[in-house]
Amino acid sequence: MVITEKNLVRHELIGLEVEVLKSTNKFQVGIKGKVVDETYNTLVILTEKGEKVVAKKDCVFLFKIPNGKKVQVEGWVLVGKPEDRIKKKLSKW
């Protein structure tokens, strides 16, 4: 299945380009790079300065999907095990 704006949160995030647009931690705003790992509560982003661990629930992310479009996602939507998130029913997505 192809990743689109509508089904992004139900796909694998590892490998996607991402940027932190907003965060409760001001030092995380602007972090950008490639998602290299994901846990229940965090995304691990590989930046030019190394790996950064960012809490999902505290941020708003901007993902670049393979077709080149950018999709803004509230972090709380991503909280959960990746394999369970795929099964979630989300009205917006």
Protein backbone atom coordinates (compact mmCIF):
# COMPACT_ATOMS: atom_id res chain seq x y z
CA MET A 1 0.00 0.00 0.00
CA VAL A 2 1.33 3.44 -0.96
CA ILE A 3 1.79 6.05 1.76
CA THR A 4 -0.54 9.05 1.31
CA GLU A 5 -1.52 12.04 3.42
CA LYS A 6 -4.63 10.18 4.56
CA ASN A 7 -3.00 6.91 5.64
CA LEU A 8 0.41 8.09 6.91
CA VAL A 9 -0.25 7.36 10.59
CA ARG A 10 -1.15 3.77 9.76
CA HIS A 11 2.17 3.13 8.00
CA GLU A 12 5.75 2.42 8.98
CA LEU A 13 7.47 5.71 9.85
CA ILE A 14 11.03 4.40 9.83
CA GLY A 15 12.85 5.77 6.80
CA LEU A 16 10.70 8.87 6.40
CA GLU A 17 12.11 12.40 6.57
CA VAL A 18 10.67 14.33 9.53
CA GLU A 19 10.91 17.72 11.21
CA VAL A 20 9.72 18.73 14.68
CA LEU A 21 7.49 21.80 14.17
CA LYS A 22 6.32 22.27 17.76
CA SER A 23 7.35 20.74 21.07
CA THR A 24 6.89 21.32 24.77
CA ASN A 25 10.71 21.15 24.85
CA LYS A 26 11.96 24.25 23.01
CA PHE A 27 15.29 22.52 22.31
CA GLN A 28 13.55 19.92 20.13
CA VAL A 29 11.83 22.40 17.80
CA GLY A 30 13.56 22.31 14.42
CA ILE A 31 15.09 18.85 14.80
CA LYS A 32 15.01 17.25 11.37
CA GLY A 33 16.31 14.14 9.76
CA LYS A 34 15.31 10.56 9.04
CA VAL A 35 13.30 8.36 11.40
CA VAL A 36 15.56 5.42 12.26
CA ASP A 37 13.62 3.82 15.12
CA GLU A 38 10.29 4.04 16.89
CA THR A 39 9.09 2.93 20.32
CA TYR A 40 5.73 3.21 22.06
CA ASN A 41 6.39 6.83 23.14
CA THR A 42 9.32 8.06 21.05
CA LEU A 43 10.77 8.57 17.60
CA VAL A 44 14.52 8.29 17.08
CA ILE A 45 15.61 10.79 14.42
CA LEU A 46 19.01 10.64 12.74
CA THR A 47 20.20 14.23 12.30
CA GLU A 48 23.46 15.70 11.05
CA LYS A 49 24.58 15.81 14.70
CA GLY A 50 23.62 12.22 15.54
CA GLU A 51 20.52 10.49 16.86
CA LYS A 52 17.90 12.47 18.77
CA VAL A 53 15.10 10.85 20.77
CA VAL A 54 11.85 12.82 20.70
CA ALA A 55 8.69 12.12 22.71
CA LYS A 56 5.75 11.67 20.37
CA LYS A 57 3.05 13.12 22.61
CA ASP A 58 4.93 16.39 23.17
CA CYS A 59 5.42 17.33 19.51
CA VAL A 60 3.87 18.21 16.19
CA PHE A 61 5.75 16.59 13.31
CA LEU A 62 6.06 17.37 9.61
CA PHE A 63 6.66 14.17 7.62
CA LYS A 64 7.78 14.11 3.99
CA ILE A 65 6.11 11.18 2.25
CA PRO A 66 7.55 9.42 -0.82
CA ASN A 67 5.46 11.44 -3.32
CA GLY A 68 7.17 14.61 -2.03
CA LYS A 69 4.21 16.01 -0.11
CA LYS A 70 4.60 17.16 3.48
CA VAL A 71 2.10 16.07 6.09
CA GLN A 72 1.68 17.61 9.54
CA VAL A 73 0.83 15.12 12.31
CA GLU A 74 -0.01 15.72 15.97
CA GLY A 75 2.31 13.50 17.99
CA TRP A 76 -0.41 12.12 20.29
CA VAL A 77 -1.88 10.33 17.25
CA LEU A 78 1.35 8.34 16.91
CA VAL A 79 1.60 7.21 20.56
CA GLY A 80 1.41 3.43 20.79
CA LYS A 81 3.19 0.40 19.48
CA PRO A 82 3.73 0.77 15.74
CA GLU A 83 2.03 -2.55 15.05
CA ASP A 84 -1.06 -1.45 17.05
CA ARG A 85 -1.17 2.03 15.49
CA ILE A 86 -1.72 0.42 12.09
CA LYS A 87 -5.00 -1.02 13.38
CA LYS A 88 -6.29 2.22 14.99
CA LYS A 89 -9.45 3.80 13.69
CA LEU A 90 -8.86 7.52 13.36
CA SER A 91 -11.56 9.78 11.92
CA LYS A 92 -9.14 12.38 10.50
CA TRP A 93 -6.89 9.77 8.92
